[in-house]
C-alpha atoms as a PDB file:
ATOM      1  CA  MET A   1      98.839  60.791 100.573  1.00  0.00           C
ATOM      2  CA  ALA A   2      99.814  64.077 102.200  1.00  0.00           C
ATOM      3  CA  PRO A   3     102.196  66.164 100.058  1.00  0.00           C
ATOM      4  CA  LYS A   4     105.777  66.270 101.282  1.00  0.00           C
ATOM      5  CA  TYR A   5     107.372  69.535 102.282  1.00  0.00           C
ATOM      6  CA  VAL A   6     109.862  70.676  99.687  1.00  0.00           C
ATOM      7  CA  VAL A   7     111.574  74.039  99.365  1.00  0.00           C
ATOM      8  CA  VAL A   8     112.863  74.725  95.875  1.00  0.00           C
ATOM      9  CA  PRO A   9     116.095  76.795  95.764  1.00  0.00           C
ATOM     10  CA  ILE A  10     115.606  80.077  93.967  1.00  0.00           C
ATOM     11  CA  CYS A  11     118.166  81.201  91.439  1.00  0.00           C
ATOM     12  CA  SER A  12     119.945  84.475  92.050  1.00  0.00           C
ATOM     13  CA  SER A  13     118.354  86.164  89.048  1.00  0.00           C
ATOM     14  CA  LEU A  14     114.854  85.710  90.495  1.00  0.00           C
ATOM     15  CA  ILE A  15     115.963  87.069  93.867  1.00  0.00           C
ATOM     16  CA  LEU A  16     117.518  90.061  92.105  1.00  0.00           C
ATOM     17  CA  LEU A  17     114.270  90.651  90.212  1.00  0.00           C
ATOM     18  CA  LEU A  18     112.295  90.507  93.450  1.00  0.00           C
ATOM     19  CA  THR A  19     114.639  93.029  95.040  1.00  0.00           C
ATOM     20  CA  LEU A  20     114.270  95.438  92.128  1.00  0.00           C
ATOM     21  CA  LEU A  21     110.494  95.392  92.646  1.00  0.00           C
ATOM     22  CA  SER A  22     110.760  96.663  96.224  1.00  0.00           C
ATOM     23  CA  VAL A  23     111.094 100.430  95.661  1.00  0.00           C
ATOM     24  CA  PRO A  24     108.479 102.135  97.889  1.00  0.00           C
ATOM     25  CA  LEU A  25     106.022 104.683  96.577  1.00  0.00           C
ATOM     26  CA  VAL A  26     106.647 108.358  97.304  1.00  0.00           C
ATOM     27  CA  SER A  27     103.856 109.808  99.415  1.00  0.00           C
ATOM     28  CA  LYS A  28     102.014 112.782  97.975  1.00  0.00           C
ATOM     29  CA  ALA A  29     101.734 114.074 101.538  1.00  0.00           C
ATOM     30  CA  GLU A  30     105.545 114.135 101.805  1.00  0.00           C
ATOM     31  CA  LEU A  31     105.792 111.918 104.827  1.00  0.00           C
ATOM     32  CA  TYR A  32     109.196 111.704 106.448  1.00  0.00           C
ATOM     33  CA  ALA A  33     110.809 109.821 109.297  1.00  0.00           C
ATOM     34  CA  HIS A  34     111.738 112.839 111.444  1.00  0.00           C
ATOM     35  CA  TYR A  35     108.372 114.609 111.319  1.00  0.00           C
ATOM     36  CA  TYR A  36     108.015 114.751 115.122  1.00  0.00           C
ATOM     37  CA  ASP A  37     111.664 115.148 116.094  1.00  0.00           C
ATOM     38  CA  GLN A  38     111.127 118.681 117.405  1.00  0.00           C
ATOM     39  CA  THR A  39     107.464 118.589 118.425  1.00  0.00           C
ATOM     40  CA  CYS A  40     107.318 115.172 120.130  1.00  0.00           C
ATOM     41  CA  PRO A  41     110.760 113.547 120.395  1.00  0.00           C
ATOM     42  CA  GLN A  42     109.548 110.873 122.860  1.00  0.00           C
ATOM     43  CA  LEU A  43     106.875 109.661 120.424  1.00  0.00           C
ATOM     44  CA  GLU A  44     108.392 106.311 119.436  1.00  0.00           C
ATOM     45  CA  LYS A  45     109.324 105.370 122.998  1.00  0.00           C
ATOM     46  CA  ILE A  46     105.809 106.041 124.285  1.00  0.00           C
ATOM     47  CA  ILE A  47     104.166 103.983 121.543  1.00  0.00           C
ATOM     48  CA  SER A  48     106.659 101.125 121.832  1.00  0.00           C
ATOM     49  CA  GLU A  49     106.104 100.856 125.588  1.00  0.00           C
ATOM     50  CA  ALA A  50     102.322 100.883 125.184  1.00  0.00           C
ATOM     51  CA  VAL A  51     102.478  98.097 122.601  1.00  0.00           C
ATOM     52  CA  LEU A  52     104.953  96.019 124.596  1.00  0.00           C
ATOM     53  CA  ASN A  53     102.962  96.281 127.827  1.00  0.00           C
ATOM     54  CA  ALA A  54      99.733  95.301 126.085  1.00  0.00           C
ATOM     55  CA  SER A  55     101.401  92.363 124.317  1.00  0.00           C
ATOM     56  CA  LYS A  56     102.732  91.012 127.615  1.00  0.00           C
ATOM     57  CA  TYR A  57      99.194  91.013 128.978  1.00  0.00           C
ATOM     58  CA  ASP A  58      97.562  89.695 125.802  1.00  0.00           C
ATOM     59  CA  PRO A  59      99.642  87.711 123.248  1.00  0.00           C
ATOM     60  CA  LYS A  60      96.965  88.322 120.598  1.00  0.00           C
ATOM     61  CA  VAL A  61      97.806  92.023 120.439  1.00  0.00           C
ATOM     62  CA  PRO A  62     100.597  91.874 117.793  1.00  0.00           C
ATOM     63  CA  ALA A  63      98.479  90.084 115.189  1.00  0.00           C
ATOM     64  CA  ARG A  64      95.494  92.306 115.926  1.00  0.00           C
ATOM     65  CA  ILE A  65      97.422  95.570 115.566  1.00  0.00           C
ATOM     66  CA  LEU A  66      99.058  94.453 112.313  1.00  0.00           C
ATOM     67  CA  ARG A  67      95.669  93.452 110.904  1.00  0.00           C
ATOM     68  CA  MET A  68      94.145  96.718 112.112  1.00  0.00           C
ATOM     69  CA  PHE A  69      96.738  98.729 110.190  1.00  0.00           C
ATOM     70  CA  PHE A  70      96.207  96.729 106.998  1.00  0.00           C
ATOM     71  CA  HIS A  71      92.420  97.056 107.185  1.00  0.00           C
ATOM     72  CA  ASP A  72      92.692 100.780 107.862  1.00  0.00           C
ATOM     73  CA  CYS A  73      94.973 101.532 104.921  1.00  0.00           C
ATOM     74  CA  PHE A  74      92.956  99.376 102.518  1.00  0.00           C
ATOM     75  CA  ILE A  75      89.691 101.296 102.912  1.00  0.00           C
ATOM     76  CA  ARG A  76      90.262 105.068 102.758  1.00  0.00           C
ATOM     77  CA  GLY A  77      94.013 105.038 102.984  1.00  0.00           C
ATOM     78  CA  CYS A  78      96.038 105.195 106.206  1.00  0.00           C
ATOM     79  CA  ASP A  79      93.858 107.762 107.992  1.00  0.00           C
ATOM     80  CA  ALA A  80      92.833 105.907 111.184  1.00  0.00           C
ATOM     81  CA  SER A  81      89.226 105.698 109.994  1.00  0.00           C
ATOM     82  CA  ILE A  82      89.077 102.155 111.392  1.00  0.00           C
ATOM     83  CA  LEU A  83      89.480 103.615 114.887  1.00  0.00           C
ATOM     84  CA  LEU A  84      86.321 105.751 114.760  1.00  0.00           C
ATOM     85  CA  ASP A  85      83.308 104.490 116.714  1.00  0.00           C
ATOM     86  CA  SER A  86      79.867 104.152 115.182  1.00  0.00           C
ATOM     87  CA  THR A  87      77.283 106.808 115.970  1.00  0.00           C
ATOM     88  CA  PRO A  88      73.458 106.724 115.915  1.00  0.00           C
ATOM     89  CA  MET A  89      73.663 108.215 112.426  1.00  0.00           C
ATOM     90  CA  ASN A  90      76.541 106.164 111.028  1.00  0.00           C
ATOM     91  CA  LYS A  91      77.842 102.598 111.232  1.00  0.00           C
ATOM     92  CA  ALA A  92      81.639 102.846 111.171  1.00  0.00           C
ATOM     93  CA  GLU A  93      84.293 100.609 109.589  1.00  0.00           C
ATOM     94  CA  LYS A  94      85.092  98.756 112.795  1.00  0.00           C
ATOM     95  CA  ASP A  95      81.524  97.422 112.825  1.00  0.00           C
ATOM     96  CA  GLY A  96      81.583  96.203 109.212  1.00  0.00           C
ATOM     97  CA  PRO A  97      81.462  92.365 108.805  1.00  0.00           C
ATOM     98  CA  PRO A  98      85.190  91.865 108.006  1.00  0.00           C
ATOM     99  CA  ASN A  99      86.197  94.022 110.981  1.00  0.00           C
ATOM    100  CA  VAL A 100      83.994  92.698 113.769  1.00  0.00           C
ATOM    101  CA  SER A 101      86.871  90.420 114.830  1.00  0.00           C
ATOM    102  CA  VAL A 102      89.421  93.258 114.827  1.00  0.00           C
ATOM    103  CA  ARG A 103      90.297  93.908 118.462  1.00  0.00           C
ATOM    104  CA  SER A 104      92.749  95.707 120.766  1.00  0.00           C
ATOM    105  CA  PHE A 105      91.736  99.256 119.878  1.00  0.00           C
ATOM    106  CA  TYR A 106      92.494 100.087 123.499  1.00  0.00           C
ATOM    107  CA  VAL A 107      96.232  99.825 122.762  1.00  0.00           C
ATOM    108  CA  ILE A 108      96.028 102.780 120.379  1.00  0.00           C
ATOM    109  CA  ASP A 109      93.787 104.645 122.855  1.00  0.00           C
ATOM    110  CA  GLU A 110      96.347 104.223 125.632  1.00  0.00           C
ATOM    111  CA  ALA A 111      99.241 105.355 123.462  1.00  0.00           C
ATOM    112  CA  LYS A 112      97.220 108.375 122.337  1.00  0.00           C
ATOM    113  CA  ALA A 113      96.330 109.358 125.919  1.00  0.00           C
ATOM    114  CA  LYS A 114      99.986 109.294 126.943  1.00  0.00           C
ATOM    115  CA  LEU A 115     101.001 111.293 123.873  1.00  0.00           C
ATOM    116  CA  GLU A 116      98.347 113.930 124.573  1.00  0.00           C
ATOM    117  CA  LYS A 117      99.972 114.470 127.957  1.00  0.00           C
ATOM    118  CA  ALA A 118     103.499 114.559 126.552  1.00  0.00           C
ATOM    119  CA  CYS A 119     102.819 116.609 123.421  1.00  0.00           C
ATOM    120  CA  PRO A 120      99.169 117.776 123.151  1.00  0.00           C
ATOM    121  CA  ARG A 121      97.369 118.071 119.794  1.00  0.00           C
ATOM    122  CA  THR A 122     100.467 116.937 117.896  1.00  0.00           C
ATOM    123  CA  VAL A 123     100.504 113.241 116.939  1.00  0.00           C
ATOM    124  CA  SER A 124      97.813 111.833 114.647  1.00  0.00           C
ATOM    125  CA  CYS A 125      96.100 108.540 115.407  1.00  0.00           C
ATOM    126  CA  ALA A 126      97.057 107.411 111.896  1.00  0.00           C
ATOM    127  CA  ASP A 127     100.752 107.811 112.700  1.00  0.00           C
ATOM    128  CA  ILE A 128     100.328 106.044 116.044  1.00  0.00           C
ATOM    129  CA  LEU A 129      98.782 103.051 114.268  1.00  0.00           C
ATOM    130  CA  ALA A 130     101.521 102.977 111.623  1.00  0.00           C
ATOM    131  CA  ILE A 131     104.256 103.009 114.269  1.00  0.00           C
ATOM    132  CA  ALA A 132     102.446 100.439 116.424  1.00  0.00           C
ATOM    133  CA  ALA A 133     102.197  98.089 113.419  1.00  0.00           C
ATOM    134  CA  ARG A 134     105.963  98.307 112.965  1.00  0.00           C
ATOM    135  CA  ASP A 135     106.558  97.785 116.684  1.00  0.00           C
ATOM    136  CA  VAL A 136     104.490  94.598 116.924  1.00  0.00           C
ATOM    137  CA  VAL A 137     106.477  93.124 114.038  1.00  0.00           C
ATOM    138  CA  VAL A 138     109.807  94.012 115.642  1.00  0.00           C
ATOM    139  CA  GLN A 139     108.747  92.808 119.088  1.00  0.00           C
ATOM    140  CA  SER A 140     107.692  89.486 117.521  1.00  0.00           C
ATOM    141  CA  GLY A 141     111.128  88.952 115.975  1.00  0.00           C
ATOM    142  CA  GLY A 142     110.539  90.592 112.604  1.00  0.00           C
ATOM    143  CA  PRO A 143     112.350  93.384 110.749  1.00  0.00           C
ATOM    144  CA  TYR A 144     112.637  97.047 111.711  1.00  0.00           C
ATOM    145  CA  TRP A 145     111.915  99.885 109.319  1.00  0.00           C
ATOM    146  CA  GLU A 146     111.845 103.650 109.742  1.00  0.00           C
ATOM    147  CA  VAL A 147     108.179 104.631 109.716  1.00  0.00           C
ATOM    148  CA  LEU A 148     107.457 107.719 107.651  1.00  0.00           C
ATOM    149  CA  LYS A 149     105.202 110.155 109.506  1.00  0.00           C
ATOM    150  CA  GLY A 150     102.984 113.166 108.952  1.00  0.00           C
ATOM    151  CA  ARG A 151      99.622 111.498 108.266  1.00  0.00           C
ATOM    152  CA  LYS A 152      96.415 113.227 109.247  1.00  0.00           C
ATOM    153  CA  ASP A 153      93.302 111.566 110.631  1.00  0.00           C
ATOM    154  CA  GLY A 154      90.236 111.164 108.457  1.00  0.00           C
ATOM    155  CA  ARG A 155      86.745 112.258 109.438  1.00  0.00           C
ATOM    156  CA  VAL A 156      84.753 109.624 107.510  1.00  0.00           C
ATOM    157  CA  SER A 157      84.275 105.946 108.390  1.00  0.00           C
ATOM    158  CA  LYS A 158      81.601 103.747 106.812  1.00  0.00           C
ATOM    159  CA  ALA A 159      80.979 100.069 107.480  1.00  0.00           C
ATOM    160  CA  SER A 160      79.773  99.615 103.912  1.00  0.00           C
ATOM    161  CA  ASP A 161      83.292 100.331 102.628  1.00  0.00           C
ATOM    162  CA  THR A 162      84.647  97.175 104.278  1.00  0.00           C
ATOM    163  CA  ARG A 163      83.146  95.040 101.536  1.00  0.00           C
ATOM    164  CA  ASN A 164      86.177  96.076  99.486  1.00  0.00           C
ATOM    165  CA  LEU A 165      88.608  94.236 101.765  1.00  0.00           C
ATOM    166  CA  PRO A 166      90.164  91.061 100.287  1.00  0.00           C
ATOM    167  CA  ALA A 167      88.307  87.954 101.447  1.00  0.00           C
ATOM    168  CA  PRO A 168      89.886  84.722 102.774  1.00  0.00           C
ATOM    169  CA  SER A 169      88.260  82.957  99.804  1.00  0.00           C
ATOM    170  CA  SER A 170      89.794  85.251  97.145  1.00  0.00           C
ATOM    171  CA  ASN A 171      91.795  83.793  94.274  1.00  0.00           C
ATOM    172  CA  VAL A 172      95.099  85.200  93.018  1.00  0.00           C
ATOM    173  CA  THR A 173      93.551  87.289  90.250  1.00  0.00           C
ATOM    174  CA  GLN A 174      91.118  88.900  92.689  1.00  0.00           C
ATOM    175  CA  LEU A 175      93.944  89.586  95.139  1.00  0.00           C
ATOM    176  CA  ILE A 176      96.161  91.143  92.458  1.00  0.00           C
ATOM    177  CA  GLN A 177      93.318  93.406  91.339  1.00  0.00           C
ATOM    178  CA  SER A 178      92.490  94.455  94.893  1.00  0.00           C
ATOM    179  CA  PHE A 179      96.075  95.351  95.731  1.00  0.00           C
ATOM    180  CA  ALA A 180      96.639  97.067  92.377  1.00  0.00           C
ATOM    181  CA  ALA A 181      93.702  99.380  93.114  1.00  0.00           C
ATOM    182  CA  ARG A 182      95.762 100.639  96.084  1.00  0.00           C
ATOM    183  CA  GLY A 183      98.968 101.067  94.084  1.00  0.00           C
ATOM    184  CA  LEU A 184     100.450  97.801  95.359  1.00  0.00           C
ATOM    185  CA  ASP A 185     101.961  95.232  92.992  1.00  0.00           C
ATOM    186  CA  VAL A 186     102.108  91.426  92.958  1.00  0.00           C
ATOM    187  CA  LYS A 187     105.259  91.367  95.065  1.00  0.00           C
ATOM    188  CA  ASP A 188     103.591  93.578  97.687  1.00  0.00           C
ATOM    189  CA  MET A 189     100.550  91.334  97.753  1.00  0.00           C
ATOM    190  CA  VAL A 190     102.527  88.140  98.393  1.00  0.00           C
ATOM    191  CA  THR A 191     104.805  89.911 100.870  1.00  0.00           C
ATOM    192  CA  LEU A 192     102.050  91.540 102.916  1.00  0.00           C
ATOM    193  CA  SER A 193     100.178  88.226 102.990  1.00  0.00           C
ATOM    194  CA  GLY A 194     103.159  87.089 105.038  1.00  0.00           C
ATOM    195  CA  GLY A 195     101.724  89.124 107.892  1.00  0.00           C
ATOM    196  CA  HIS A 196      99.635  85.989 108.459  1.00  0.00           C
ATOM    197  CA  THR A 197     102.705  84.540 110.133  1.00  0.00           C
ATOM    198  CA  LEU A 198     101.136  86.183 113.193  1.00  0.00           C
ATOM    199  CA  GLY A 199      97.633  85.311 114.206  1.00  0.00           C
ATOM    200  CA  PHE A 200      94.656  83.023 114.432  1.00  0.00           C
ATOM    201  CA  SER A 201      91.564  82.452 112.312  1.00  0.00           C
ATOM    202  CA  HIS A 202      88.086  81.392 113.335  1.00  0.00           C
ATOM    203  CA  CYS A 203      86.527  78.425 111.575  1.00  0.00           C
ATOM    204  CA  SER A 204      84.077  80.571 109.624  1.00  0.00           C
ATOM    205  CA  SER A 205      86.917  81.946 107.494  1.00  0.00           C
ATOM    206  CA  PHE A 206      88.083  78.582 106.149  1.00  0.00           C
ATOM    207  CA  GLU A 207      85.558  75.806 106.874  1.00  0.00           C
ATOM    208  CA  ALA A 208      84.150  76.027 103.333  1.00  0.00           C
ATOM    209  CA  ARG A 209      87.349  74.234 102.300  1.00  0.00           C
ATOM    210  CA  LEU A 210      86.553  71.251 104.523  1.00  0.00           C
ATOM    211  CA  LYS A 211      83.160  70.044 103.256  1.00  0.00           C
ATOM    212  CA  ASN A 212      81.221  70.260  99.968  1.00  0.00           C
ATOM    213  CA  PHE A 213      84.106  72.222  98.487  1.00  0.00           C
ATOM    214  CA  SER A 214      83.130  71.537  94.857  1.00  0.00           C
ATOM    215  CA  LEU A 215      81.235  69.095  92.656  1.00  0.00           C
ATOM    216  CA  LEU A 216      84.372  66.972  92.323  1.00  0.00           C
ATOM    217  CA  HIS A 217      85.908  67.334  95.782  1.00  0.00           C
ATOM    218  CA  ASP A 218      84.396  67.284  99.232  1.00  0.00           C
ATOM    219  CA  VAL A 219      87.601  68.759 100.687  1.00  0.00           C
ATOM    220  CA  ASP A 220      89.798  71.347  98.950  1.00  0.00           C
ATOM    221  CA  PRO A 221      92.370  69.178  97.102  1.00  0.00           C
ATOM    222  CA  THR A 222      95.114  71.755  97.645  1.00  0.00           C
ATOM    223  CA  LEU A 223      94.992  71.055 101.401  1.00  0.00           C
ATOM    224  CA  ASN A 224      97.508  68.667 102.937  1.00  0.00           C
ATOM    225  CA  THR A 225      95.470  65.553 103.823  1.00  0.00           C
ATOM    226  CA  GLU A 226      96.554  65.334 107.449  1.00  0.00           C
ATOM    227  CA  PHE A 227      96.212  69.084 107.903  1.00  0.00           C
ATOM    228  CA  ALA A 228      92.637  68.937 106.560  1.00  0.00           C
ATOM    229  CA  LYS A 229      91.838  66.274 109.176  1.00  0.00           C
ATOM    230  CA  ASP A 230      93.299  68.512 111.870  1.00  0.00           C
ATOM    231  CA  LEU A 231      91.187  71.465 110.727  1.00  0.00           C
ATOM    232  CA  LYS A 232      88.057  69.310 110.774  1.00  0.00           C
ATOM    233  CA  LYS A 233      88.774  68.330 114.374  1.00  0.00           C
ATOM    234  CA  LYS A 234      89.174  71.977 115.306  1.00  0.00           C
ATOM    235  CA  CYS A 235      85.973  72.920 113.466  1.00  0.00           C
ATOM    236  CA  PRO A 236      83.442  70.095 113.912  1.00  0.00           C
ATOM    237  CA  ALA A 237      80.177  70.445 112.011  1.00  0.00           C
ATOM    238  CA  THR A 238      77.980  70.768 115.081  1.00  0.00           C
ATOM    239  CA  PRO A 239      75.688  73.537 116.364  1.00  0.00           C
ATOM    240  CA  PHE A 240      77.369  73.241 119.769  1.00  0.00           C
ATOM    241  CA  ARG A 241      80.828  74.140 118.494  1.00  0.00           C
ATOM    242  CA  ASP A 242      82.773  76.754 120.426  1.00  0.00           C
ATOM    243  CA  HIS A 243      82.316  80.043 118.544  1.00  0.00           C
ATOM    244  CA  ASN A 244      85.978  80.830 119.269  1.00  0.00           C
ATOM    245  CA  ALA A 245      87.193  77.626 117.596  1.00  0.00           C
ATOM    246  CA  GLY A 246      89.735  77.941 114.828  1.00  0.00           C
ATOM    247  CA  HIS A 247      93.382  77.469 113.945  1.00  0.00           C
ATOM    248  CA  PHE A 248      96.636  79.412 114.063  1.00  0.00           C
ATOM    249  CA  LEU A 249      97.790  80.709 110.683  1.00  0.00           C
ATOM    250  CA  ASP A 250     101.203  79.109 111.015  1.00  0.00           C
ATOM    251  CA  SER A 251     103.032  76.827 113.455  1.00  0.00           C
ATOM    252  CA  THR A 252     104.927  79.709 115.102  1.00  0.00           C
ATOM    253  CA  ALA A 253     101.981  82.085 115.367  1.00  0.00           C
ATOM    254  CA  SER A 254     103.557  84.385 117.945  1.00  0.00           C
ATOM    255  CA  VAL A 255     106.852  84.730 116.052  1.00  0.00           C
ATOM    256  CA  PHE A 256     107.325  86.816 112.931  1.00  0.00           C
ATOM    257  CA  ASP A 257     109.207  84.507 110.553  1.00  0.00           C
ATOM    258  CA  ASN A 258     108.901  82.823 107.145  1.00  0.00           C
ATOM    259  CA  ASP A 259     107.122  79.690 108.411  1.00  0.00           C
ATOM    260  CA  TYR A 260     103.918  80.889 106.718  1.00  0.00           C
ATOM    261  CA  TYR A 261     105.508  80.434 103.276  1.00  0.00           C
ATOM    262  CA  LYS A 262     106.967  77.033 104.139  1.00  0.00           C
ATOM    263  CA  ARG A 263     103.533  75.858 105.161  1.00  0.00           C
ATOM    264  CA  LEU A 264     101.969  77.086 101.924  1.00  0.00           C
ATOM    265  CA  ILE A 265     104.379  74.905  99.952  1.00  0.00           C
ATOM    266  CA  ALA A 266     103.440  71.995 102.227  1.00  0.00           C
ATOM    267  CA  GLY A 267      99.718  72.498 101.507  1.00  0.00           C
ATOM    268  CA  LYS A 268      99.031  73.869 104.977  1.00  0.00           C
ATOM    269  CA  GLY A 269      97.722  77.337 104.237  1.00  0.00           C
ATOM    270  CA  VAL A 270      94.651  78.009 106.376  1.00  0.00           C
ATOM    271  CA  PHE A 271      92.917  80.439 104.007  1.00  0.00           C
ATOM    272  CA  LEU A 272      92.059  79.584 100.418  1.00  0.00           C
ATOM    273  CA  SER A 273      93.503  82.971  99.463  1.00  0.00           C
ATOM    274  CA  ASP A 274      96.820  82.021 101.073  1.00  0.00           C
ATOM    275  CA  GLN A 275      97.050  78.553  99.542  1.00  0.00           C
ATOM    276  CA  SER A 276      96.180  79.923  96.098  1.00  0.00           C
ATOM    277  CA  LEU A 277      99.516  81.788  96.068  1.00  0.00           C
ATOM    278  CA  VAL A 278     101.300  78.478  95.500  1.00  0.00           C
ATOM    279  CA  GLY A 279      99.068  77.349  92.656  1.00  0.00           C
ATOM    280  CA  ASP A 280      99.575  80.395  90.413  1.00  0.00           C
ATOM    281  CA  TRP A 281     102.750  80.953  88.378  1.00  0.00           C
ATOM    282  CA  ARG A 282     102.583  84.699  89.046  1.00  0.00           C
ATOM    283  CA  THR A 283     103.051  84.232  92.764  1.00  0.00           C
ATOM    284  CA  ARG A 284     104.541  80.783  93.423  1.00  0.00           C
ATOM    285  CA  TRP A 285     108.124  81.830  92.722  1.00  0.00           C
ATOM    286  CA  ILE A 286     107.857  84.617  95.312  1.00  0.00           C
ATOM    287  CA  VAL A 287     106.444  82.197  97.903  1.00  0.00           C
ATOM    288  CA  GLU A 288     109.359  79.847  97.207  1.00  0.00           C
ATOM    289  CA  ALA A 289     111.884  82.677  97.462  1.00  0.00           C
ATOM    290  CA  PHE A 290     110.584  83.712 100.879  1.00  0.00           C
ATOM    291  CA  ALA A 291     110.359  80.112 102.111  1.00  0.00           C
ATOM    292  CA  TYR A 292     113.995  79.647 101.112  1.00  0.00           C
ATOM    293  CA  ASP A 293     115.355  82.955 102.439  1.00  0.00           C
ATOM    294  CA  GLN A 294     113.858  84.581 105.544  1.00  0.00           C
ATOM    295  CA  SER A 295     116.180  87.591 105.320  1.00  0.00           C
ATOM    296  CA  LEU A 296     114.826  88.309 101.840  1.00  0.00           C
ATOM    297  CA  PHE A 297     111.267  88.150 103.168  1.00  0.00           C
ATOM    298  CA  PHE A 298     112.167  90.560 105.969  1.00  0.00           C
ATOM    299  CA  LYS A 299     113.719  93.022 103.525  1.00  0.00           C
ATOM    300  CA  GLU A 300     110.737  92.912 101.196  1.00  0.00           C
ATOM    301  CA  PHE A 301     108.223  93.125 104.046  1.00  0.00           C
ATOM    302  CA  SER A 302     109.808  96.344 105.276  1.00  0.00           C
ATOM    303  CA  ALA A 303     109.620  97.831 101.779  1.00  0.00           C
ATOM    304  CA  SER A 304     106.019  96.751 101.223  1.00  0.00           C
ATOM    305  CA  MET A 305     104.924  98.088 104.613  1.00  0.00           C
ATOM    306  CA  LEU A 306     106.368 101.467 103.648  1.00  0.00           C
ATOM    307  CA  LYS A 307     104.332 101.375 100.450  1.00  0.00           C
ATOM    308  CA  LEU A 308     101.204 100.278 102.304  1.00  0.00           C
ATOM    309  CA  GLY A 309     101.721 103.115 104.783  1.00  0.00           C
ATOM    310  CA  ASN A 310     101.623 105.606 101.911  1.00  0.00           C
ATOM    311  CA  VAL A 311      98.297 104.437 100.487  1.00  0.00           C
ATOM    312  CA  GLY A 312      95.749 107.251 100.326  1.00  0.00           C
ATOM    313  CA  VAL A 313      97.717 109.509 102.651  1.00  0.00           C
ATOM    314  CA  SER A 314      96.413 113.069 102.754  1.00  0.00           C
ATOM    315  CA  THR A 315      97.227 116.308 104.571  1.00  0.00           C
ATOM    316  CA  ASN A 316      93.579 117.410 104.538  1.00  0.00           C
ATOM    317  CA  GLY A 317      92.519 115.673 107.737  1.00  0.00           C
ATOM    318  CA  GLU A 318      92.959 116.547 111.392  1.00  0.00           C
ATOM    319  CA  VAL A 319      94.831 115.427 114.486  1.00  0.00           C
ATOM    320  CA  ARG A 320      92.139 113.861 116.649  1.00  0.00           C
ATOM    321  CA  LEU A 321      92.208 114.501 120.374  1.00  0.00           C
ATOM    322  CA  HIS A 322      90.618 111.072 120.885  1.00  0.00           C
ATOM    323  CA  CYS A 323      91.088 108.348 118.270  1.00  0.00           C
ATOM    324  CA  ARG A 324      87.497 107.089 118.520  1.00  0.00           C
ATOM    325  CA  ILE A 325      85.771 110.377 117.644  1.00  0.00           C
ATOM    326  CA  VAL A 326      86.342 113.288 115.275  1.00  0.00           C
ATOM    327  CA  ASN A 327      87.180 116.660 116.804  1.00  0.00           C
END
């Protein structure tokens, strides 16, 4: 029988504890919100318009930009290394296995080109990506936060580094360790996973849950029974399957909301890594808190995105003239 959807009310003391965990890290590079106020005051407007125009043309843009920012910050810190193209001598991050499905780099290119006309050699690609990530959340109905700025662009990008990105098959312990290595705590991990409220996954990222899952279970027992049947229909075991087949990560995949957490409680998480958040005492209470209170999720997401945006930030890089190549 498919598990019933239940949201457990969270007591005020747990919500207070969650709130106390949301203090963002202070950047060693001394990022600040008004970094470009004098040198490029039209910065935010130019980026916002570029993102909005692209999203109108392609509804996949918001999820792709948010994922791009996460994958960038998780490798060498938020230095726009994911934007660099491969060269004959080097295979770059964007061509590493976990990143081959990252798309919409052109959105950042277009914003950069407009900024180079408005304020040449001023705005880093890393800051453009950080602002664009905020904008896609806001334009999808999510929270606003003041992006701290002053990042520099890195000069190194290696596809081999992408093996350190969290996998869709990760368990909670692996996820906690991966985030902790970047200075992010358990609350940040569960909160940033909520970015999956936007987006779509191809079958290859979750079909291992649907057949020969373990010695005892053919299908992952944490999956809602009816949802597992739906996933199997979307991902038939046939060599003629559409290579673009897959499933949306929540039922309102173009809207930034807390539906992702509600679906986890209902056994409808697409990734094993997502569904595992409900089965572990260290993370379940946070999932329940966000499923119960969307405003709390929004508040915590803003705080965790600020912390993510500070990961590995350095002042030793450059301001690229073109985001795809070093100067």
